Amino acid sequence: MAVPADFTISNISGKFTMNKSLSDSTDTILRLQGVGWFKRKAISLGTITLYINHYNDSEIDVERIDIDQTITGGIPGTSEKRILDWTGREHEDHLFGAVVGKSRRVKVDELDEEWLKRDWTEDTLERGVVQSYVESDTPKSGTTWIANQTWGVEVINDDRRYARHVKFTGPKGEDIEARLIYDYCD
């Protein structure tokens, strides 16, 4: 389902489910991140739901995005607390292990990767995409990967949709681009 007409990247609060028929497969990315076959299979069969709370933290004058993710099929979801200040923060994730991530709002002309820049709506380009850069904490996790993402609004089949572009670099330099498309839920 399309996002409401007044939905913009300035406030992505809401409930979303991943539209697997419009999204690219994430199985190879998950495998390279060290996620086992059983969990990958459950993720591929389950419904991924995001509960997003996007707000301005007036105490430190910065945007924040809190995301609670659930997956049907018995896989525990994850919680993400994003502070859009481009400061690296350590996080222990039950699915991905030890990671270091940072987030910010950025104009696409400041990005190096073409895949992260394209197909966004004009209002997303004007306001700037949300960039999420997460890498494995190799000394703690024993693996090496980078997931560089941009989030925004795209027009898919004439509908405005919340979307994410993922530029993934695997342990042996694997280069994967994936687009994740979400349905807005009332």
C-alpha atoms as a PDB file:
ATOM      1  CA  MET A   1       0.000   0.000   0.000  1.00  0.00           C
ATOM      2  CA  ALA A   2       1.225   3.462  -0.866  1.00  0.00           C
ATOM      3  CA  VAL A   3       2.180   5.968   1.804  1.00  0.00           C
ATOM      4  CA  PRO A   4      -0.309   8.798   2.497  1.00  0.00           C
ATOM      5  CA  ALA A   5      -0.071  11.802   0.178  1.00  0.00           C
ATOM      6  CA  ASP A   6       1.467  13.965   2.929  1.00  0.00           C
ATOM      7  CA  PHE A   7       4.109  11.376   3.932  1.00  0.00           C
ATOM      8  CA  THR A   8       7.709  12.556   3.415  1.00  0.00           C
ATOM      9  CA  ILE A   9      11.202  11.570   4.484  1.00  0.00           C
ATOM     10  CA  SER A  10      10.958  14.393   7.058  1.00  0.00           C
ATOM     11  CA  ASN A  11       8.809  12.117   9.218  1.00  0.00           C
ATOM     12  CA  ILE A  12       8.752   8.416   8.418  1.00  0.00           C
ATOM     13  CA  SER A  13       6.798   7.451  11.539  1.00  0.00           C
ATOM     14  CA  GLY A  14       4.385   4.619  10.931  1.00  0.00           C
ATOM     15  CA  LYS A  15       3.916   0.892  10.561  1.00  0.00           C
ATOM     16  CA  PHE A  16       5.294  -0.795   7.434  1.00  0.00           C
ATOM     17  CA  THR A  17       5.567  -4.339   6.103  1.00  0.00           C
ATOM     18  CA  MET A  18       8.188  -5.359   3.581  1.00  0.00           C
ATOM     19  CA  ASN A  19       6.649  -6.014   0.178  1.00  0.00           C
ATOM     20  CA  LYS A  20       8.619  -9.076  -0.907  1.00  0.00           C
ATOM     21  CA  SER A  21       7.182  -9.113  -4.415  1.00  0.00           C
ATOM     22  CA  LEU A  22       8.519  -5.574  -5.045  1.00  0.00           C
ATOM     23  CA  SER A  23      11.735  -5.949  -3.023  1.00  0.00           C
ATOM     24  CA  ASP A  24      14.973  -7.611  -4.055  1.00  0.00           C
ATOM     25  CA  SER A  25      16.003 -10.799  -2.287  1.00  0.00           C
ATOM     26  CA  THR A  26      18.146 -10.336   0.808  1.00  0.00           C
ATOM     27  CA  ASP A  27      19.148 -13.999   1.211  1.00  0.00           C
ATOM     28  CA  THR A  28      22.705 -13.605  -0.119  1.00  0.00           C
ATOM     29  CA  ILE A  29      23.282 -10.512   2.009  1.00  0.00           C
ATOM     30  CA  LEU A  30      22.046 -12.317   5.113  1.00  0.00           C
ATOM     31  CA  ARG A  31      24.229 -15.349   4.333  1.00  0.00           C
ATOM     32  CA  LEU A  32      27.308 -13.139   3.945  1.00  0.00           C
ATOM     33  CA  GLN A  33      26.446 -11.466   7.266  1.00  0.00           C
ATOM     34  CA  GLY A  34      26.671 -14.878   8.905  1.00  0.00           C
ATOM     35  CA  VAL A  35      22.942 -15.552   9.330  1.00  0.00           C
ATOM     36  CA  GLY A  36      22.318 -19.301   9.236  1.00  0.00           C
ATOM     37  CA  TRP A  37      20.129 -21.155   6.741  1.00  0.00           C
ATOM     38  CA  PHE A  38      17.274 -21.818   9.181  1.00  0.00           C
ATOM     39  CA  LYS A  39      16.929 -18.158  10.172  1.00  0.00           C
ATOM     40  CA  ARG A  40      17.234 -17.027   6.545  1.00  0.00           C
ATOM     41  CA  LYS A  41      14.474 -19.451   5.539  1.00  0.00           C
ATOM     42  CA  ALA A  42      12.210 -18.219   8.358  1.00  0.00           C
ATOM     43  CA  ILE A  43      12.889 -14.616   7.334  1.00  0.00           C
ATOM     44  CA  SER A  44      12.073 -15.405   3.700  1.00  0.00           C
ATOM     45  CA  LEU A  45       8.758 -17.006   4.702  1.00  0.00           C
ATOM     46  CA  GLY A  46       7.805 -14.569   7.452  1.00  0.00           C
ATOM     47  CA  THR A  47       6.360 -11.091   7.351  1.00  0.00           C
ATOM     48  CA  ILE A  48       8.772  -8.324   8.308  1.00  0.00           C
ATOM     49  CA  THR A  49       7.072  -5.398  10.026  1.00  0.00           C
ATOM     50  CA  LEU A  50       8.695  -2.103  10.998  1.00  0.00           C
ATOM     51  CA  TYR A  51       7.267   0.169  13.684  1.00  0.00           C
ATOM     52  CA  ILE A  52       9.013   3.503  13.142  1.00  0.00           C
ATOM     53  CA  ASN A  53       9.011   6.502  15.468  1.00  0.00           C
ATOM     54  CA  HIS A  54      10.781   9.488  13.843  1.00  0.00           C
ATOM     55  CA  TYR A  55      11.160  12.589  15.995  1.00  0.00           C
ATOM     56  CA  ASN A  56      13.394  15.496  16.934  1.00  0.00           C
ATOM     57  CA  ASP A  57      15.185  15.109  20.249  1.00  0.00           C
ATOM     58  CA  SER A  58      14.971  18.671  21.557  1.00  0.00           C
ATOM     59  CA  GLU A  59      17.448  17.999  24.384  1.00  0.00           C
ATOM     60  CA  ILE A  60      20.300  17.479  21.926  1.00  0.00           C
ATOM     61  CA  ASP A  61      18.664  19.108  18.870  1.00  0.00           C
ATOM     62  CA  VAL A  62      19.003  16.111  16.564  1.00  0.00           C
ATOM     63  CA  GLU A  63      16.680  13.839  14.610  1.00  0.00           C
ATOM     64  CA  ARG A  64      16.102  10.350  15.959  1.00  0.00           C
ATOM     65  CA  ILE A  65      14.540   7.286  14.402  1.00  0.00           C
ATOM     66  CA  ASP A  66      13.559   4.383  16.652  1.00  0.00           C
ATOM     67  CA  ILE A  67      12.609   1.171  14.856  1.00  0.00           C
ATOM     68  CA  ASP A  68      11.126  -1.979  16.326  1.00  0.00           C
ATOM     69  CA  GLN A  69      11.144  -4.798  13.812  1.00  0.00           C
ATOM     70  CA  THR A  70       9.114  -7.981  14.112  1.00  0.00           C
ATOM     71  CA  ILE A  71       9.265 -11.095  11.980  1.00  0.00           C
ATOM     72  CA  THR A  72       6.574 -13.756  11.946  1.00  0.00           C
ATOM     73  CA  GLY A  73       7.754 -17.360  12.030  1.00  0.00           C
ATOM     74  CA  GLY A  74       9.466 -17.380  15.410  1.00  0.00           C
ATOM     75  CA  ILE A  75      12.455 -15.145  14.673  1.00  0.00           C
ATOM     76  CA  PRO A  76      12.858 -12.412  17.300  1.00  0.00           C
ATOM     77  CA  GLY A  77      12.858  -8.918  15.876  1.00  0.00           C
ATOM     78  CA  THR A  78      15.403  -6.200  16.418  1.00  0.00           C
ATOM     79  CA  SER A  79      15.269  -2.716  17.899  1.00  0.00           C
ATOM     80  CA  GLU A  80      17.266   0.120  16.414  1.00  0.00           C
ATOM     81  CA  LYS A  81      17.822   3.512  17.988  1.00  0.00           C
ATOM     82  CA  ARG A  82      19.170   5.802  15.278  1.00  0.00           C
ATOM     83  CA  ILE A  83      20.564   9.232  16.087  1.00  0.00           C
ATOM     84  CA  LEU A  84      21.101  11.196  12.875  1.00  0.00           C
ATOM     85  CA  ASP A  85      24.411  12.801  13.851  1.00  0.00           C
ATOM     86  CA  TRP A  86      26.880  10.598  11.914  1.00  0.00           C
ATOM     87  CA  THR A  87      28.522   9.292  15.088  1.00  0.00           C
ATOM     88  CA  GLY A  88      29.524   5.634  15.157  1.00  0.00           C
ATOM     89  CA  ARG A  89      27.815   3.599  17.875  1.00  0.00           C
ATOM     90  CA  GLU A  90      28.365  -0.005  18.898  1.00  0.00           C
ATOM     91  CA  HIS A  91      25.384  -2.349  19.013  1.00  0.00           C
ATOM     92  CA  GLU A  92      24.967  -6.045  19.765  1.00  0.00           C
ATOM     93  CA  ASP A  93      22.337  -7.499  17.448  1.00  0.00           C
ATOM     94  CA  HIS A  94      21.002 -11.022  17.987  1.00  0.00           C
ATOM     95  CA  LEU A  95      20.795 -11.565  14.221  1.00  0.00           C
ATOM     96  CA  PHE A  96      23.946  -9.816  12.941  1.00  0.00           C
ATOM     97  CA  GLY A  97      26.187  -9.922  16.010  1.00  0.00           C
ATOM     98  CA  ALA A  98      28.411  -7.034  17.026  1.00  0.00           C
ATOM     99  CA  VAL A  99      28.084  -4.040  14.697  1.00  0.00           C
ATOM    100  CA  VAL A 100      29.022  -0.364  14.561  1.00  0.00           C
ATOM    101  CA  GLY A 101      26.550   1.968  12.894  1.00  0.00           C
ATOM    102  CA  LYS A 102      26.018   5.617  12.159  1.00  0.00           C
ATOM    103  CA  SER A 103      23.164   7.555  10.561  1.00  0.00           C
ATOM    104  CA  ARG A 104      22.513  11.003   9.138  1.00  0.00           C
ATOM    105  CA  ARG A 105      20.334  13.040   6.827  1.00  0.00           C
ATOM    106  CA  VAL A 106      22.271  13.880   3.670  1.00  0.00           C
ATOM    107  CA  LYS A 107      21.775  15.327   0.187  1.00  0.00           C
ATOM    108  CA  VAL A 108      22.392  12.693  -2.475  1.00  0.00           C
ATOM    109  CA  ASP A 109      25.089  14.758  -4.210  1.00  0.00           C
ATOM    110  CA  GLU A 110      27.260  14.186  -1.114  1.00  0.00           C
ATOM    111  CA  LEU A 111      27.113  10.386  -1.581  1.00  0.00           C
ATOM    112  CA  ASP A 112      29.719   8.414  -3.536  1.00  0.00           C
ATOM    113  CA  GLU A 113      27.609   5.414  -4.573  1.00  0.00           C
ATOM    114  CA  GLU A 114      25.301   5.985  -7.540  1.00  0.00           C
ATOM    115  CA  TRP A 115      22.930   3.229  -6.363  1.00  0.00           C
ATOM    116  CA  LEU A 116      22.222   5.137  -3.147  1.00  0.00           C
ATOM    117  CA  LYS A 117      21.374   8.352  -5.039  1.00  0.00           C
ATOM    118  CA  ARG A 118      18.823   7.349  -7.646  1.00  0.00           C
ATOM    119  CA  ASP A 119      15.070   6.968  -8.075  1.00  0.00           C
ATOM    120  CA  TRP A 120      14.016   9.121  -5.110  1.00  0.00           C
ATOM    121  CA  THR A 121      11.037  11.461  -5.288  1.00  0.00           C
ATOM    122  CA  GLU A 122      11.661  15.167  -5.713  1.00  0.00           C
ATOM    123  CA  ASP A 123      10.573  15.895  -2.131  1.00  0.00           C
ATOM    124  CA  THR A 124      13.047  13.278  -0.830  1.00  0.00           C
ATOM    125  CA  LEU A 125      15.844  14.859  -2.864  1.00  0.00           C
ATOM    126  CA  GLU A 126      14.938  18.312  -1.533  1.00  0.00           C
ATOM    127  CA  ARG A 127      14.916  17.214   2.126  1.00  0.00           C
ATOM    128  CA  GLY A 128      17.772  14.713   1.860  1.00  0.00           C
ATOM    129  CA  VAL A 129      17.749  10.940   2.273  1.00  0.00           C
ATOM    130  CA  VAL A 130      18.458   9.189   5.551  1.00  0.00           C
ATOM    131  CA  GLN A 131      21.760   7.338   5.287  1.00  0.00           C
ATOM    132  CA  SER A 132      22.467   4.346   7.505  1.00  0.00           C
ATOM    133  CA  TYR A 133      26.004   2.959   7.473  1.00  0.00           C
ATOM    134  CA  VAL A 134      26.518  -0.243   9.462  1.00  0.00           C
ATOM    135  CA  GLU A 135      29.550  -2.499   9.500  1.00  0.00           C
ATOM    136  CA  SER A 136      30.422  -5.622  11.393  1.00  0.00           C
ATOM    137  CA  ASP A 137      32.564  -5.130  14.470  1.00  0.00           C
ATOM    138  CA  THR A 138      35.080  -7.635  13.111  1.00  0.00           C
ATOM    139  CA  PRO A 139      37.161  -8.222  16.279  1.00  0.00           C
ATOM    140  CA  LYS A 140      33.960  -9.124  18.151  1.00  0.00           C
ATOM    141  CA  SER A 141      31.907 -10.748  15.365  1.00  0.00           C
ATOM    142  CA  GLY A 142      34.583 -12.615  13.432  1.00  0.00           C
ATOM    143  CA  THR A 143      33.177 -11.462  10.107  1.00  0.00           C
ATOM    144  CA  THR A 144      33.611  -8.421   7.878  1.00  0.00           C
ATOM    145  CA  TRP A 145      30.829  -6.690   5.951  1.00  0.00           C
ATOM    146  CA  ILE A 146      29.380  -3.227   5.291  1.00  0.00           C
ATOM    147  CA  ALA A 147      25.738  -2.322   4.700  1.00  0.00           C
ATOM    148  CA  ASN A 148      25.407   1.225   3.385  1.00  0.00           C
ATOM    149  CA  GLN A 149      21.759   2.252   2.970  1.00  0.00           C
ATOM    150  CA  THR A 150      19.688   5.243   1.980  1.00  0.00           C
ATOM    151  CA  TRP A 151      16.041   5.606   2.946  1.00  0.00           C
ATOM    152  CA  GLY A 152      13.396   7.722   1.289  1.00  0.00           C
ATOM    153  CA  VAL A 153      10.283   7.769  -0.848  1.00  0.00           C
ATOM    154  CA  GLU A 154      10.159   6.269  -4.345  1.00  0.00           C
ATOM    155  CA  VAL A 155       7.406   5.967  -6.902  1.00  0.00           C
ATOM    156  CA  ILE A 156       6.823   2.274  -7.639  1.00  0.00           C
ATOM    157  CA  ASN A 157       4.087   1.356 -10.131  1.00  0.00           C
ATOM    158  CA  ASP A 158       2.592   4.867  -9.771  1.00  0.00           C
ATOM    159  CA  ASP A 159       2.480   4.616  -5.953  1.00  0.00           C
ATOM    160  CA  ARG A 160       4.627   6.556  -3.472  1.00  0.00           C
ATOM    161  CA  ARG A 161       6.376   3.988  -1.248  1.00  0.00           C
ATOM    162  CA  TYR A 162       8.812   4.018   1.638  1.00  0.00           C
ATOM    163  CA  ALA A 163      11.990   2.402   0.271  1.00  0.00           C
ATOM    164  CA  ARG A 164      15.562   1.581   1.162  1.00  0.00           C
ATOM    165  CA  HIS A 165      18.535   1.182  -1.170  1.00  0.00           C
ATOM    166  CA  VAL A 166      21.218  -1.162   0.167  1.00  0.00           C
ATOM    167  CA  LYS A 167      24.822  -1.202  -1.066  1.00  0.00           C
ATOM    168  CA  PHE A 168      26.373  -4.245   0.589  1.00  0.00           C
ATOM    169  CA  THR A 169      30.038  -5.236   0.638  1.00  0.00           C
ATOM    170  CA  GLY A 170      30.707  -8.791   1.788  1.00  0.00           C
ATOM    171  CA  PRO A 171      33.671 -10.473   3.500  1.00  0.00           C
ATOM    172  CA  LYS A 172      35.429 -11.197   0.192  1.00  0.00           C
ATOM    173  CA  GLY A 173      34.535  -7.910  -1.464  1.00  0.00           C
ATOM    174  CA  GLU A 174      31.162  -9.105  -2.771  1.00  0.00           C
ATOM    175  CA  ASP A 175      29.230  -6.124  -4.125  1.00  0.00           C
ATOM    176  CA  ILE A 176      25.442  -6.394  -3.876  1.00  0.00           C
ATOM    177  CA  GLU A 177      22.803  -3.765  -4.537  1.00  0.00           C
ATOM    178  CA  ALA A 178      19.278  -4.358  -3.259  1.00  0.00           C
ATOM    179  CA  ARG A 179      16.114  -2.312  -3.080  1.00  0.00           C
ATOM    180  CA  LEU A 180      13.652  -2.894  -0.250  1.00  0.00           C
ATOM    181  CA  ILE A 181      10.088  -1.645  -0.733  1.00  0.00           C
ATOM    182  CA  TYR A 182       7.591  -1.339   2.105  1.00  0.00           C
ATOM    183  CA  ASP A 183       3.791  -1.241   2.304  1.00  0.00           C
ATOM    184  CA  TYR A 184       2.322   1.416   4.565  1.00  0.00           C
ATOM    185  CA  CYS A 185      -0.102   0.005   7.142  1.00  0.00           C
ATOM    186  CA  ASP A 186      -2.871   2.107   8.668  1.00  0.00           C
END
